[in-house]
Amino acid sequence: MRAVLTSTQWIFFVIVLFFTASCADHRVASIPQTHLPPEIGTPSSKTIPAGYHHKKSRPGIVESLIRTARKELHHGQPEAAFQTLERALNIDGQDSLVWHLMAKTRSVQGQYGQAESLARKSNTLSADNASLRKKNWRLIANALEKQGRIQEASLAKQKSM
């Protein structure tokens, strides 16, 4: 009886093997040509200049929301601009420009404590954008001055230069 059981097990194993093999995806995996490293000496193998940082691409909807918020802010609608920027933030919470514009909006509204906090958050996310960091430090300096924190504002102004 043991020989029958072993042959039954063997037959079961072969059936399972064929079944799983027939269910497998038989496509050959290949690496697209765009992901291959550049050949030495080709035009695409140029070195990146010192100090250059690749600008993070942002989704088109976030770009659109930023444009809308800037228009709303320009037309004296800071609360509408802030709400628009909150929508952009829900899409990309790591976009330093969105945080900066939120800080600017709060500053326009006279909410200097929030403006300072939002500008500081923008600075933590804008490590590769010196221009935006300087704008944030100017915003922080202004917010600190408005709160009567003159000594801190002076330090922030120094960082904005």
C-alpha atoms as a PDB file:
ATOM      1  CA  MET A   1       0.000   0.000   0.000  1.00  0.00           C
ATOM      2  CA  ARG A   2       2.926   2.241   0.676  1.00  0.00           C
ATOM      3  CA  ALA A   3       3.980   2.158  -3.014  1.00  0.00           C
ATOM      4  CA  VAL A   4       0.477   3.278  -4.100  1.00  0.00           C
ATOM      5  CA  LEU A   5       0.525   6.131  -1.632  1.00  0.00           C
ATOM      6  CA  THR A   6       3.922   7.273  -2.869  1.00  0.00           C
ATOM      7  CA  SER A   7       2.877   7.128  -6.511  1.00  0.00           C
ATOM      8  CA  THR A   8      -0.343   8.980  -5.609  1.00  0.00           C
ATOM      9  CA  GLN A   9       1.716  11.662  -3.931  1.00  0.00           C
ATOM     10  CA  TRP A  10       3.953  11.821  -6.983  1.00  0.00           C
ATOM     11  CA  ILE A  11       0.993  12.205  -9.342  1.00  0.00           C
ATOM     12  CA  PHE A  12      -0.503  14.885  -7.088  1.00  0.00           C
ATOM     13  CA  PHE A  13       2.820  16.750  -7.097  1.00  0.00           C
ATOM     14  CA  VAL A  14       3.064  16.653 -10.897  1.00  0.00           C
ATOM     15  CA  ILE A  15      -0.529  17.890 -11.305  1.00  0.00           C
ATOM     16  CA  VAL A  16       0.073  20.775  -8.895  1.00  0.00           C
ATOM     17  CA  LEU A  17       3.320  21.606 -10.683  1.00  0.00           C
ATOM     18  CA  PHE A  18       1.629  21.720 -14.103  1.00  0.00           C
ATOM     19  CA  PHE A  19      -1.285  23.722 -12.722  1.00  0.00           C
ATOM     20  CA  THR A  20       0.940  26.368 -11.158  1.00  0.00           C
ATOM     21  CA  ALA A  21       3.154  26.510 -14.243  1.00  0.00           C
ATOM     22  CA  SER A  22       0.157  27.137 -16.469  1.00  0.00           C
ATOM     23  CA  CYS A  23      -0.993  29.981 -14.228  1.00  0.00           C
ATOM     24  CA  ALA A  24       2.381  31.709 -14.251  1.00  0.00           C
ATOM     25  CA  ASP A  25       3.006  34.812 -16.293  1.00  0.00           C
ATOM     26  CA  HIS A  26       5.316  33.814 -19.140  1.00  0.00           C
ATOM     27  CA  ARG A  27       6.394  37.312 -20.205  1.00  0.00           C
ATOM     28  CA  VAL A  28      10.114  37.887 -20.311  1.00  0.00           C
ATOM     29  CA  ALA A  29      11.166  40.720 -18.050  1.00  0.00           C
ATOM     30  CA  SER A  30      13.266  43.312 -19.803  1.00  0.00           C
ATOM     31  CA  ILE A  31      14.822  46.575 -18.794  1.00  0.00           C
ATOM     32  CA  PRO A  32      13.579  49.518 -20.861  1.00  0.00           C
ATOM     33  CA  GLN A  33      16.375  51.275 -22.746  1.00  0.00           C
ATOM     34  CA  THR A  34      15.676  54.513 -20.846  1.00  0.00           C
ATOM     35  CA  HIS A  35      16.811  52.906 -17.583  1.00  0.00           C
ATOM     36  CA  LEU A  36      20.180  51.717 -18.824  1.00  0.00           C
ATOM     37  CA  PRO A  37      23.232  53.685 -17.692  1.00  0.00           C
ATOM     38  CA  PRO A  38      24.657  56.037 -20.338  1.00  0.00           C
ATOM     39  CA  GLU A  39      27.613  54.866 -22.385  1.00  0.00           C
ATOM     40  CA  ILE A  40      30.878  56.602 -21.631  1.00  0.00           C
ATOM     41  CA  GLY A  41      31.454  59.511 -23.991  1.00  0.00           C
ATOM     42  CA  THR A  42      27.838  59.901 -25.130  1.00  0.00           C
ATOM     43  CA  PRO A  43      26.156  63.316 -24.891  1.00  0.00           C
ATOM     44  CA  SER A  44      23.838  62.066 -22.125  1.00  0.00           C
ATOM     45  CA  SER A  45      26.767  61.282 -19.823  1.00  0.00           C
ATOM     46  CA  LYS A  46      27.556  64.945 -19.090  1.00  0.00           C
ATOM     47  CA  THR A  47      28.366  65.716 -15.494  1.00  0.00           C
ATOM     48  CA  ILE A  48      26.022  67.883 -13.448  1.00  0.00           C
ATOM     49  CA  PRO A  49      27.545  71.285 -12.656  1.00  0.00           C
ATOM     50  CA  ALA A  50      28.460  71.987  -9.032  1.00  0.00           C
ATOM     51  CA  GLY A  51      25.677  73.709  -7.121  1.00  0.00           C
ATOM     52  CA  TYR A  52      22.989  72.523  -9.495  1.00  0.00           C
ATOM     53  CA  HIS A  53      19.993  70.827  -7.929  1.00  0.00           C
ATOM     54  CA  HIS A  54      17.330  69.116  -9.981  1.00  0.00           C
ATOM     55  CA  LYS A  55      14.063  70.918  -9.378  1.00  0.00           C
ATOM     56  CA  LYS A  56      11.428  68.626  -7.978  1.00  0.00           C
ATOM     57  CA  SER A  57       8.603  68.255 -10.429  1.00  0.00           C
ATOM     58  CA  ARG A  58       5.186  68.893  -8.966  1.00  0.00           C
ATOM     59  CA  PRO A  59       1.883  67.501 -10.187  1.00  0.00           C
ATOM     60  CA  GLY A  60       0.038  69.678 -12.681  1.00  0.00           C
ATOM     61  CA  ILE A  61      -2.943  70.033 -10.353  1.00  0.00           C
ATOM     62  CA  VAL A  62      -0.658  71.447  -7.647  1.00  0.00           C
ATOM     63  CA  GLU A  63       0.800  73.932 -10.167  1.00  0.00           C
ATOM     64  CA  SER A  64      -2.730  74.971 -11.078  1.00  0.00           C
ATOM     65  CA  LEU A  65      -3.734  75.390  -7.428  1.00  0.00           C
ATOM     66  CA  ILE A  66      -0.610  77.486  -6.766  1.00  0.00           C
ATOM     67  CA  ARG A  67      -1.455  79.782  -9.705  1.00  0.00           C
ATOM     68  CA  THR A  68      -5.040  80.109  -8.459  1.00  0.00           C
ATOM     69  CA  ALA A  69      -3.898  80.887  -4.906  1.00  0.00           C
ATOM     70  CA  ARG A  70      -1.476  83.554  -6.140  1.00  0.00           C
ATOM     71  CA  LYS A  71      -4.274  85.209  -8.128  1.00  0.00           C
ATOM     72  CA  GLU A  72      -6.587  85.099  -5.109  1.00  0.00           C
ATOM     73  CA  LEU A  73      -3.896  86.604  -2.912  1.00  0.00           C
ATOM     74  CA  HIS A  74      -3.194  89.301  -5.508  1.00  0.00           C
ATOM     75  CA  HIS A  75      -6.921  90.151  -5.644  1.00  0.00           C
ATOM     76  CA  GLY A  76      -7.149  90.570  -1.868  1.00  0.00           C
ATOM     77  CA  GLN A  77      -8.731  87.212  -1.083  1.00  0.00           C
ATOM     78  CA  PRO A  78      -6.250  85.710   1.391  1.00  0.00           C
ATOM     79  CA  GLU A  79      -8.708  83.267   2.987  1.00  0.00           C
ATOM     80  CA  ALA A  80      -9.691  81.854  -0.411  1.00  0.00           C
ATOM     81  CA  ALA A  81      -5.985  81.593  -1.278  1.00  0.00           C
ATOM     82  CA  PHE A  82      -5.283  79.748   1.971  1.00  0.00           C
ATOM     83  CA  GLN A  83      -8.089  77.271   1.313  1.00  0.00           C
ATOM     84  CA  THR A  84      -6.773  76.677  -2.207  1.00  0.00           C
ATOM     85  CA  LEU A  85      -3.296  76.051  -0.801  1.00  0.00           C
ATOM     86  CA  GLU A  86      -4.722  73.597   1.730  1.00  0.00           C
ATOM     87  CA  ARG A  87      -6.082  71.576  -1.194  1.00  0.00           C
ATOM     88  CA  ALA A  88      -2.619  71.635  -2.788  1.00  0.00           C
ATOM     89  CA  LEU A  89      -1.137  70.533   0.523  1.00  0.00           C
ATOM     90  CA  ASN A  90      -3.476  67.534   0.620  1.00  0.00           C
ATOM     91  CA  ILE A  91      -2.052  66.458  -2.737  1.00  0.00           C
ATOM     92  CA  ASP A  92       1.620  67.138  -1.944  1.00  0.00           C
ATOM     93  CA  GLY A  93       2.384  67.872   1.690  1.00  0.00           C
ATOM     94  CA  GLN A  94       6.117  68.068   0.971  1.00  0.00           C
ATOM     95  CA  ASP A  95       5.982  71.027  -1.434  1.00  0.00           C
ATOM     96  CA  SER A  96       7.958  73.858   0.177  1.00  0.00           C
ATOM     97  CA  LEU A  97       6.422  76.498  -2.117  1.00  0.00           C
ATOM     98  CA  VAL A  98       2.910  75.632  -0.940  1.00  0.00           C
ATOM     99  CA  TRP A  99       4.022  76.032   2.689  1.00  0.00           C
ATOM    100  CA  HIS A 100       5.709  79.354   1.837  1.00  0.00           C
ATOM    101  CA  LEU A 101       2.599  80.723   0.158  1.00  0.00           C
ATOM    102  CA  MET A 102       0.487  79.631   3.131  1.00  0.00           C
ATOM    103  CA  ALA A 103       2.887  81.566   5.380  1.00  0.00           C
ATOM    104  CA  LYS A 104       2.617  84.607   3.126  1.00  0.00           C
ATOM    105  CA  THR A 105      -1.170  84.379   3.213  1.00  0.00           C
ATOM    106  CA  ARG A 106      -1.263  84.236   7.018  1.00  0.00           C
ATOM    107  CA  SER A 107       1.124  87.191   7.182  1.00  0.00           C
ATOM    108  CA  VAL A 108      -1.216  89.234   4.962  1.00  0.00           C
ATOM    109  CA  GLN A 109      -4.050  88.320   7.338  1.00  0.00           C
ATOM    110  CA  GLY A 110      -2.047  89.510  10.342  1.00  0.00           C
ATOM    111  CA  GLN A 111      -1.682  86.017  11.798  1.00  0.00           C
ATOM    112  CA  TYR A 112       2.040  86.383  12.400  1.00  0.00           C
ATOM    113  CA  GLY A 113       2.524  83.405  14.717  1.00  0.00           C
ATOM    114  CA  GLN A 114       1.108  81.067  12.093  1.00  0.00           C
ATOM    115  CA  ALA A 115       3.025  82.837   9.327  1.00  0.00           C
ATOM    116  CA  GLU A 116       6.282  82.264  11.194  1.00  0.00           C
ATOM    117  CA  SER A 117       5.488  78.604  11.833  1.00  0.00           C
ATOM    118  CA  LEU A 118       4.486  77.921   8.218  1.00  0.00           C
ATOM    119  CA  ALA A 119       7.597  79.665   6.863  1.00  0.00           C
ATOM    120  CA  ARG A 120       9.794  77.577   9.168  1.00  0.00           C
ATOM    121  CA  LYS A 121       8.087  74.425   7.872  1.00  0.00           C
ATOM    122  CA  SER A 122       8.768  75.579   4.310  1.00  0.00           C
ATOM    123  CA  ASN A 123      12.429  76.017   5.204  1.00  0.00           C
ATOM    124  CA  THR A 124      12.680  72.458   6.483  1.00  0.00           C
ATOM    125  CA  LEU A 125      11.424  71.231   3.101  1.00  0.00           C
ATOM    126  CA  SER A 126      13.447  73.591   0.874  1.00  0.00           C
ATOM    127  CA  ALA A 127      16.974  72.336   1.489  1.00  0.00           C
ATOM    128  CA  ASP A 128      17.843  72.638  -2.205  1.00  0.00           C
ATOM    129  CA  ASN A 129      16.202  76.026  -2.825  1.00  0.00           C
ATOM    130  CA  ALA A 130      18.297  78.872  -1.393  1.00  0.00           C
ATOM    131  CA  SER A 131      16.088  81.548  -2.954  1.00  0.00           C
ATOM    132  CA  LEU A 132      12.954  80.222  -1.251  1.00  0.00           C
ATOM    133  CA  ARG A 133      14.781  79.857   2.068  1.00  0.00           C
ATOM    134  CA  LYS A 134      15.780  83.546   1.891  1.00  0.00           C
ATOM    135  CA  LYS A 135      12.175  84.534   1.197  1.00  0.00           C
ATOM    136  CA  ASN A 136      11.065  82.430   4.145  1.00  0.00           C
ATOM    137  CA  TRP A 137      13.610  84.083   6.442  1.00  0.00           C
ATOM    138  CA  ARG A 138      12.366  87.541   5.339  1.00  0.00           C
ATOM    139  CA  LEU A 139       8.824  86.423   6.091  1.00  0.00           C
ATOM    140  CA  ILE A 140       9.907  85.063   9.480  1.00  0.00           C
ATOM    141  CA  ALA A 141      11.770  88.298  10.279  1.00  0.00           C
ATOM    142  CA  ASN A 142       8.691  90.364   9.412  1.00  0.00           C
ATOM    143  CA  ALA A 143       6.423  88.116  11.508  1.00  0.00           C
ATOM    144  CA  LEU A 144       8.781  88.290  14.472  1.00  0.00           C
ATOM    145  CA  GLU A 145       8.962  92.112  14.234  1.00  0.00           C
ATOM    146  CA  LYS A 146       5.169  92.350  14.183  1.00  0.00           C
ATOM    147  CA  GLN A 147       5.094  90.189  17.328  1.00  0.00           C
ATOM    148  CA  GLY A 148       7.585  92.518  19.050  1.00  0.00           C
ATOM    149  CA  ARG A 149      10.390  89.943  19.023  1.00  0.00           C
ATOM    150  CA  ILE A 150      12.958  92.389  17.649  1.00  0.00           C
ATOM    151  CA  GLN A 151      16.142  90.522  18.604  1.00  0.00           C
ATOM    152  CA  GLU A 152      14.915  87.290  16.966  1.00  0.00           C
ATOM    153  CA  ALA A 153      13.765  89.289  13.941  1.00  0.00           C
ATOM    154  CA  SER A 154      17.272  90.712  13.579  1.00  0.00           C
ATOM    155  CA  LEU A 155      18.765  87.201  13.531  1.00  0.00           C
ATOM    156  CA  ALA A 156      16.191  86.111  10.949  1.00  0.00           C
ATOM    157  CA  LYS A 157      17.045  89.113   8.751  1.00  0.00           C
ATOM    158  CA  GLN A 158      20.708  88.101   8.834  1.00  0.00           C
ATOM    159  CA  LYS A 159      19.759  84.631   7.600  1.00  0.00           C
ATOM    160  CA  SER A 160      17.740  86.161   4.765  1.00  0.00           C
ATOM    161  CA  MET A 161      20.821  87.803   3.227  1.00  0.00           C
END
